[in-house]
């Protein structure tokens, strides 16, 4: 049956500076480029029929580096539905300074709550409401047709997808993170139920995997 691999883009310039990024179109750091290169090396044993990414260059660049390291060329579809969560008026602000101004509890609500909406931005729930319909309409049919899919996107758009695929509750998603540049593999049954999910590592590293019941 088909497989799906998701990868959060490598470290960006604003990740490094601890700034709210959202839809701000910032580039990868050198570390982020290396993370993308490592992801490409890890993914060399896998075959993909099509790749998806957002319209933000940190994700596009990460995917480009991954495919270059894999030494393959596949069709790439860029879509705004896979963009990072929009942090609105918080974008470009230092997270620590926002915490000092509004309080640590409010900062955590803006960052981790499923429903809390930052000023002028999106909640994770809003992000879910654009990511999942796109996944259902565009990507699921290809998986059902036996295609192997690679998605390179962002922490929150991919956390929304993880909620859907892994049946993670709105309460539990607050405690779930996705590391930059770490490929996460989903293996499906014939009716597109997730049989297992694991981070893909180099062969000499024991795999951290779990089977979904």
C-alpha atoms as a PDB file:
ATOM      1  CA  UNK A   1       0.000   0.000   0.000  1.00  0.00           C
ATOM      2  CA  UNK A   2       1.035   3.630  -0.363  1.00  0.00           C
ATOM      3  CA  UNK A   3       3.103   5.631   2.116  1.00  0.00           C
ATOM      4  CA  UNK A   4       3.089   9.244   3.233  1.00  0.00           C
ATOM      5  CA  UNK A   5       6.110  11.075   4.623  1.00  0.00           C
ATOM      6  CA  UNK A   6       5.851  14.497   6.236  1.00  0.00           C
ATOM      7  CA  UNK A   7       8.836  16.763   6.917  1.00  0.00           C
ATOM      8  CA  UNK A   8       8.883  20.068   8.738  1.00  0.00           C
ATOM      9  CA  UNK A   9      11.176  22.543   6.976  1.00  0.00           C
ATOM     10  CA  UNK A  10      14.689  23.037   8.297  1.00  0.00           C
ATOM     11  CA  UNK A  11      15.548  25.735  10.819  1.00  0.00           C
ATOM     12  CA  UNK A  12      14.657  29.189   9.487  1.00  0.00           C
ATOM     13  CA  UNK A  13      16.292  32.539  10.210  1.00  0.00           C
ATOM     14  CA  UNK A  14      13.410  33.477  12.515  1.00  0.00           C
ATOM     15  CA  UNK A  15      13.396  30.073  14.248  1.00  0.00           C
ATOM     16  CA  UNK A  16      16.982  30.849  15.181  1.00  0.00           C
ATOM     17  CA  UNK A  17      16.044  34.308  16.496  1.00  0.00           C
ATOM     18  CA  UNK A  18      13.002  32.943  18.404  1.00  0.00           C
ATOM     19  CA  UNK A  19      10.591  35.164  16.462  1.00  0.00           C
ATOM     20  CA  UNK A  20       6.988  34.404  15.505  1.00  0.00           C
ATOM     21  CA  UNK A  21       7.236  33.560  11.807  1.00  0.00           C
ATOM     22  CA  UNK A  22       3.849  32.481  10.468  1.00  0.00           C
ATOM     23  CA  UNK A  23       3.372  33.627   6.885  1.00  0.00           C
ATOM     24  CA  UNK A  24       6.493  35.821   6.887  1.00  0.00           C
ATOM     25  CA  UNK A  25       8.591  34.484   4.037  1.00  0.00           C
ATOM     26  CA  UNK A  26      11.999  33.945   5.622  1.00  0.00           C
ATOM     27  CA  UNK A  27      14.832  31.728   4.461  1.00  0.00           C
ATOM     28  CA  UNK A  28      16.611  28.731   5.952  1.00  0.00           C
ATOM     29  CA  UNK A  29      19.703  29.090   8.089  1.00  0.00           C
ATOM     30  CA  UNK A  30      22.839  27.113   7.253  1.00  0.00           C
ATOM     31  CA  UNK A  31      21.745  24.694   9.973  1.00  0.00           C
ATOM     32  CA  UNK A  32      18.340  24.437   8.296  1.00  0.00           C
ATOM     33  CA  UNK A  33      19.982  23.605   4.983  1.00  0.00           C
ATOM     34  CA  UNK A  34      22.015  20.870   6.679  1.00  0.00           C
ATOM     35  CA  UNK A  35      18.839  19.481   8.284  1.00  0.00           C
ATOM     36  CA  UNK A  36      17.239  19.325   4.837  1.00  0.00           C
ATOM     37  CA  UNK A  37      20.311  17.587   3.424  1.00  0.00           C
ATOM     38  CA  UNK A  38      20.167  15.000   6.211  1.00  0.00           C
ATOM     39  CA  UNK A  39      16.470  14.400   5.551  1.00  0.00           C
ATOM     40  CA  UNK A  40      17.257  13.801   1.884  1.00  0.00           C
ATOM     41  CA  UNK A  41      19.947  11.274   2.764  1.00  0.00           C
ATOM     42  CA  UNK A  42      17.590   9.453   5.140  1.00  0.00           C
ATOM     43  CA  UNK A  43      14.885   9.320   2.449  1.00  0.00           C
ATOM     44  CA  UNK A  44      17.107   7.898  -0.317  1.00  0.00           C
ATOM     45  CA  UNK A  45      15.720   4.341   0.063  1.00  0.00           C
ATOM     46  CA  UNK A  46      12.158   5.596  -0.512  1.00  0.00           C
ATOM     47  CA  UNK A  47      10.315   6.240  -3.760  1.00  0.00           C
ATOM     48  CA  UNK A  48       7.869   9.130  -4.110  1.00  0.00           C
ATOM     49  CA  UNK A  49       5.474   9.780  -6.968  1.00  0.00           C
ATOM     50  CA  UNK A  50       4.614  13.362  -6.068  1.00  0.00           C
ATOM     51  CA  UNK A  51       5.626  16.003  -3.507  1.00  0.00           C
ATOM     52  CA  UNK A  52       3.625  18.802  -1.899  1.00  0.00           C
ATOM     53  CA  UNK A  53       4.759  21.953  -0.159  1.00  0.00           C
ATOM     54  CA  UNK A  54       3.527  25.387   0.854  1.00  0.00           C
ATOM     55  CA  UNK A  55       4.139  28.631  -1.023  1.00  0.00           C
ATOM     56  CA  UNK A  56       6.701  29.802   1.570  1.00  0.00           C
ATOM     57  CA  UNK A  57      10.337  29.594   0.542  1.00  0.00           C
ATOM     58  CA  UNK A  58      11.665  27.903   3.695  1.00  0.00           C
ATOM     59  CA  UNK A  59       9.498  24.867   2.889  1.00  0.00           C
ATOM     60  CA  UNK A  60      10.101  25.062  -0.871  1.00  0.00           C
ATOM     61  CA  UNK A  61      13.856  25.281  -0.331  1.00  0.00           C
ATOM     62  CA  UNK A  62      13.814  22.368   2.111  1.00  0.00           C
ATOM     63  CA  UNK A  63      11.972  20.188  -0.398  1.00  0.00           C
ATOM     64  CA  UNK A  64      14.379  21.200  -3.163  1.00  0.00           C
ATOM     65  CA  UNK A  65      17.381  20.198  -1.044  1.00  0.00           C
ATOM     66  CA  UNK A  66      15.737  16.893  -0.071  1.00  0.00           C
ATOM     67  CA  UNK A  67      15.071  15.944  -3.696  1.00  0.00           C
ATOM     68  CA  UNK A  68      18.595  17.002  -4.674  1.00  0.00           C
ATOM     69  CA  UNK A  69      20.073  14.762  -1.983  1.00  0.00           C
ATOM     70  CA  UNK A  70      17.799  11.912  -3.075  1.00  0.00           C
ATOM     71  CA  UNK A  71      18.968  12.521  -6.657  1.00  0.00           C
ATOM     72  CA  UNK A  72      15.426  12.319  -7.987  1.00  0.00           C
ATOM     73  CA  UNK A  73      12.942  14.521  -9.771  1.00  0.00           C
ATOM     74  CA  UNK A  74       9.237  14.289  -8.978  1.00  0.00           C
ATOM     75  CA  UNK A  75       6.267  16.557  -9.695  1.00  0.00           C
ATOM     76  CA  UNK A  76       5.998  19.266  -7.018  1.00  0.00           C
ATOM     77  CA  UNK A  77       2.750  21.013  -6.091  1.00  0.00           C
ATOM     78  CA  UNK A  78       2.869  24.226  -4.046  1.00  0.00           C
ATOM     79  CA  UNK A  79      -0.305  25.304  -2.278  1.00  0.00           C
ATOM     80  CA  UNK A  80      -1.137  27.976   0.277  1.00  0.00           C
ATOM     81  CA  UNK A  81      -3.333  25.515   2.163  1.00  0.00           C
ATOM     82  CA  UNK A  82      -0.121  23.973   3.532  1.00  0.00           C
ATOM     83  CA  UNK A  83       1.271  27.309   4.767  1.00  0.00           C
ATOM     84  CA  UNK A  84       2.278  27.776   8.362  1.00  0.00           C
ATOM     85  CA  UNK A  85      -0.319  29.053  10.798  1.00  0.00           C
ATOM     86  CA  UNK A  86      -0.726  32.814  10.385  1.00  0.00           C
ATOM     87  CA  UNK A  87       0.335  34.538  13.604  1.00  0.00           C
ATOM     88  CA  UNK A  88      -1.075  37.897  12.516  1.00  0.00           C
ATOM     89  CA  UNK A  89       0.170  40.853  14.572  1.00  0.00           C
ATOM     90  CA  UNK A  90       2.641  38.632  16.416  1.00  0.00           C
ATOM     91  CA  UNK A  91       4.684  37.886  13.284  1.00  0.00           C
ATOM     92  CA  UNK A  92       8.204  39.241  13.580  1.00  0.00           C
ATOM     93  CA  UNK A  93       7.953  39.682  17.360  1.00  0.00           C
ATOM     94  CA  UNK A  94      10.299  38.019  19.828  1.00  0.00           C
ATOM     95  CA  UNK A  95       8.474  35.260  21.695  1.00  0.00           C
ATOM     96  CA  UNK A  96      10.178  36.058  24.999  1.00  0.00           C
ATOM     97  CA  UNK A  97       9.255  39.732  24.712  1.00  0.00           C
ATOM     98  CA  UNK A  98       5.636  38.805  23.921  1.00  0.00           C
ATOM     99  CA  UNK A  99       5.630  36.650  27.052  1.00  0.00           C
ATOM    100  CA  UNK A 100       6.990  39.504  29.148  1.00  0.00           C
ATOM    101  CA  UNK A 101       4.335  41.871  27.790  1.00  0.00           C
ATOM    102  CA  UNK A 102       1.245  39.648  27.880  1.00  0.00           C
ATOM    103  CA  UNK A 103       2.257  37.006  30.401  1.00  0.00           C
ATOM    104  CA  UNK A 104       3.541  33.457  30.054  1.00  0.00           C
ATOM    105  CA  UNK A 105       0.065  31.940  30.164  1.00  0.00           C
ATOM    106  CA  UNK A 106      -1.223  34.049  27.274  1.00  0.00           C
ATOM    107  CA  UNK A 107       1.930  33.331  25.289  1.00  0.00           C
ATOM    108  CA  UNK A 108       1.396  29.593  25.723  1.00  0.00           C
ATOM    109  CA  UNK A 109      -2.256  29.885  24.745  1.00  0.00           C
ATOM    110  CA  UNK A 110      -1.326  31.706  21.533  1.00  0.00           C
ATOM    111  CA  UNK A 111       1.367  29.155  20.765  1.00  0.00           C
ATOM    112  CA  UNK A 112      -0.165  25.840  21.856  1.00  0.00           C
ATOM    113  CA  UNK A 113      -3.937  26.120  22.286  1.00  0.00           C
ATOM    114  CA  UNK A 114      -6.110  24.600  19.565  1.00  0.00           C
ATOM    115  CA  UNK A 115      -8.687  27.401  19.636  1.00  0.00           C
ATOM    116  CA  UNK A 116      -6.848  30.553  20.809  1.00  0.00           C
ATOM    117  CA  UNK A 117      -6.521  33.139  18.002  1.00  0.00           C
ATOM    118  CA  UNK A 118      -3.558  35.547  18.097  1.00  0.00           C
ATOM    119  CA  UNK A 119      -4.434  39.162  17.166  1.00  0.00           C
ATOM    120  CA  UNK A 120      -5.121  39.275  13.432  1.00  0.00           C
ATOM    121  CA  UNK A 121      -4.050  35.661  12.942  1.00  0.00           C
ATOM    122  CA  UNK A 122      -5.218  32.034  12.952  1.00  0.00           C
ATOM    123  CA  UNK A 123      -5.741  29.458  15.656  1.00  0.00           C
ATOM    124  CA  UNK A 124      -4.511  25.929  15.109  1.00  0.00           C
ATOM    125  CA  UNK A 125      -8.191  25.093  14.588  1.00  0.00           C
ATOM    126  CA  UNK A 126      -8.324  27.601  11.688  1.00  0.00           C
ATOM    127  CA  UNK A 127      -5.184  26.016  10.250  1.00  0.00           C
ATOM    128  CA  UNK A 128      -6.756  22.559  10.568  1.00  0.00           C
ATOM    129  CA  UNK A 129      -9.823  23.799   8.687  1.00  0.00           C
ATOM    130  CA  UNK A 130      -7.747  24.633   5.603  1.00  0.00           C
ATOM    131  CA  UNK A 131      -5.142  21.853   5.764  1.00  0.00           C
ATOM    132  CA  UNK A 132      -7.477  18.871   6.175  1.00  0.00           C
ATOM    133  CA  UNK A 133      -9.964  19.652   3.361  1.00  0.00           C
ATOM    134  CA  UNK A 134      -6.990  20.129   1.020  1.00  0.00           C
ATOM    135  CA  UNK A 135      -5.506  16.837   2.172  1.00  0.00           C
ATOM    136  CA  UNK A 136      -8.819  15.034   1.746  1.00  0.00           C
ATOM    137  CA  UNK A 137      -9.522  16.440  -1.714  1.00  0.00           C
ATOM    138  CA  UNK A 138      -6.022  16.499  -3.207  1.00  0.00           C
ATOM    139  CA  UNK A 139      -3.797  13.989  -1.451  1.00  0.00           C
ATOM    140  CA  UNK A 140      -5.990  11.182  -0.117  1.00  0.00           C
ATOM    141  CA  UNK A 141      -7.212  10.158  -3.606  1.00  0.00           C
ATOM    142  CA  UNK A 142      -3.603   9.754  -4.728  1.00  0.00           C
ATOM    143  CA  UNK A 143      -2.763   7.656  -1.699  1.00  0.00           C
ATOM    144  CA  UNK A 144      -5.803   5.467  -2.425  1.00  0.00           C
ATOM    145  CA  UNK A 145      -4.494   5.085  -5.974  1.00  0.00           C
ATOM    146  CA  UNK A 146      -1.236   3.680  -4.621  1.00  0.00           C
ATOM    147  CA  UNK A 147       0.912   6.792  -4.950  1.00  0.00           C
ATOM    148  CA  UNK A 148       3.679   7.511  -2.460  1.00  0.00           C
ATOM    149  CA  UNK A 149       3.508  11.109  -1.219  1.00  0.00           C
ATOM    150  CA  UNK A 150       6.034  13.479   0.364  1.00  0.00           C
ATOM    151  CA  UNK A 151       4.812  16.635   2.129  1.00  0.00           C
ATOM    152  CA  UNK A 152       7.273  19.317   3.237  1.00  0.00           C
ATOM    153  CA  UNK A 153       5.546  22.047   5.190  1.00  0.00           C
ATOM    154  CA  UNK A 154       5.482  23.710   8.617  1.00  0.00           C
ATOM    155  CA  UNK A 155       5.196  22.913  12.297  1.00  0.00           C
ATOM    156  CA  UNK A 156       1.556  23.874  12.701  1.00  0.00           C
ATOM    157  CA  UNK A 157       0.171  22.836   9.329  1.00  0.00           C
ATOM    158  CA  UNK A 158       1.771  19.436   9.849  1.00  0.00           C
ATOM    159  CA  UNK A 159       0.580  19.223  13.471  1.00  0.00           C
ATOM    160  CA  UNK A 160      -2.929  19.767  12.122  1.00  0.00           C
ATOM    161  CA  UNK A 161      -2.388  16.874   9.707  1.00  0.00           C
ATOM    162  CA  UNK A 162      -1.002  14.728  12.526  1.00  0.00           C
ATOM    163  CA  UNK A 163      -4.207  15.381  14.492  1.00  0.00           C
ATOM    164  CA  UNK A 164      -6.241  14.040  11.594  1.00  0.00           C
ATOM    165  CA  UNK A 165      -4.061  11.037  10.781  1.00  0.00           C
ATOM    166  CA  UNK A 166      -3.260   9.975  14.350  1.00  0.00           C
ATOM    167  CA  UNK A 167      -6.580  10.921  15.971  1.00  0.00           C
ATOM    168  CA  UNK A 168      -4.899  13.347  18.374  1.00  0.00           C
ATOM    169  CA  UNK A 169      -7.333  15.357  20.465  1.00  0.00           C
ATOM    170  CA  UNK A 170      -7.331  19.174  20.640  1.00  0.00           C
ATOM    171  CA  UNK A 171      -6.139  18.859  24.249  1.00  0.00           C
ATOM    172  CA  UNK A 172      -3.294  16.466  23.476  1.00  0.00           C
ATOM    173  CA  UNK A 173      -1.984  18.319  20.414  1.00  0.00           C
ATOM    174  CA  UNK A 174      -0.757  21.075  22.740  1.00  0.00           C
ATOM    175  CA  UNK A 175       1.955  18.640  23.888  1.00  0.00           C
ATOM    176  CA  UNK A 176       2.979  17.439  20.399  1.00  0.00           C
ATOM    177  CA  UNK A 177       5.965  18.875  18.556  1.00  0.00           C
ATOM    178  CA  UNK A 178       7.507  18.060  15.185  1.00  0.00           C
ATOM    179  CA  UNK A 179      11.254  18.526  14.928  1.00  0.00           C
ATOM    180  CA  UNK A 180      12.702  20.437  11.982  1.00  0.00           C
ATOM    181  CA  UNK A 181      14.013  18.221   9.201  1.00  0.00           C
ATOM    182  CA  UNK A 182      12.820  14.937  10.747  1.00  0.00           C
ATOM    183  CA  UNK A 183      10.935  12.716   8.234  1.00  0.00           C
ATOM    184  CA  UNK A 184       7.839  11.043   9.714  1.00  0.00           C
ATOM    185  CA  UNK A 185       6.520   7.978   7.894  1.00  0.00           C
ATOM    186  CA  UNK A 186       2.882   6.835   7.714  1.00  0.00           C
ATOM    187  CA  UNK A 187       2.088   3.347   6.433  1.00  0.00           C
ATOM    188  CA  UNK A 188      -1.523   2.659   5.463  1.00  0.00           C
ATOM    189  CA  UNK A 189      -3.823  -0.312   5.198  1.00  0.00           C
ATOM    190  CA  UNK A 190      -5.749  -1.020   1.996  1.00  0.00           C
ATOM    191  CA  UNK A 191      -8.618   1.187   3.208  1.00  0.00           C
ATOM    192  CA  UNK A 192      -6.227   4.034   4.104  1.00  0.00           C
ATOM    193  CA  UNK A 193      -6.225   3.471   7.837  1.00  0.00           C
ATOM    194  CA  UNK A 194      -2.871   4.286   9.432  1.00  0.00           C
ATOM    195  CA  UNK A 195      -1.181   1.023  10.400  1.00  0.00           C
ATOM    196  CA  UNK A 196       2.006   2.513  11.791  1.00  0.00           C
ATOM    197  CA  UNK A 197       3.860   5.776  12.167  1.00  0.00           C
ATOM    198  CA  UNK A 198       7.573   6.291  12.818  1.00  0.00           C
ATOM    199  CA  UNK A 199      10.379   8.753  12.395  1.00  0.00           C
ATOM    200  CA  UNK A 200      12.753   7.623   9.663  1.00  0.00           C
ATOM    201  CA  UNK A 201      16.386   7.451  10.745  1.00  0.00           C
ATOM    202  CA  UNK A 202      19.613   6.275   9.206  1.00  0.00           C
ATOM    203  CA  UNK A 203      19.892   2.451   9.110  1.00  0.00           C
ATOM    204  CA  UNK A 204      22.448   2.277  11.913  1.00  0.00           C
ATOM    205  CA  UNK A 205      20.113   4.184  14.278  1.00  0.00           C
ATOM    206  CA  UNK A 206      17.347   2.150  15.957  1.00  0.00           C
ATOM    207  CA  UNK A 207      13.943   3.294  14.713  1.00  0.00           C
ATOM    208  CA  UNK A 208      11.627   5.116  17.111  1.00  0.00           C
ATOM    209  CA  UNK A 209       8.316   3.704  15.961  1.00  0.00           C
ATOM    210  CA  UNK A 210       4.897   2.996  17.290  1.00  0.00           C
ATOM    211  CA  UNK A 211       2.009   0.967  15.968  1.00  0.00           C
ATOM    212  CA  UNK A 212      -1.404   2.548  16.071  1.00  0.00           C
ATOM    213  CA  UNK A 213      -4.189   0.343  17.366  1.00  0.00           C
END
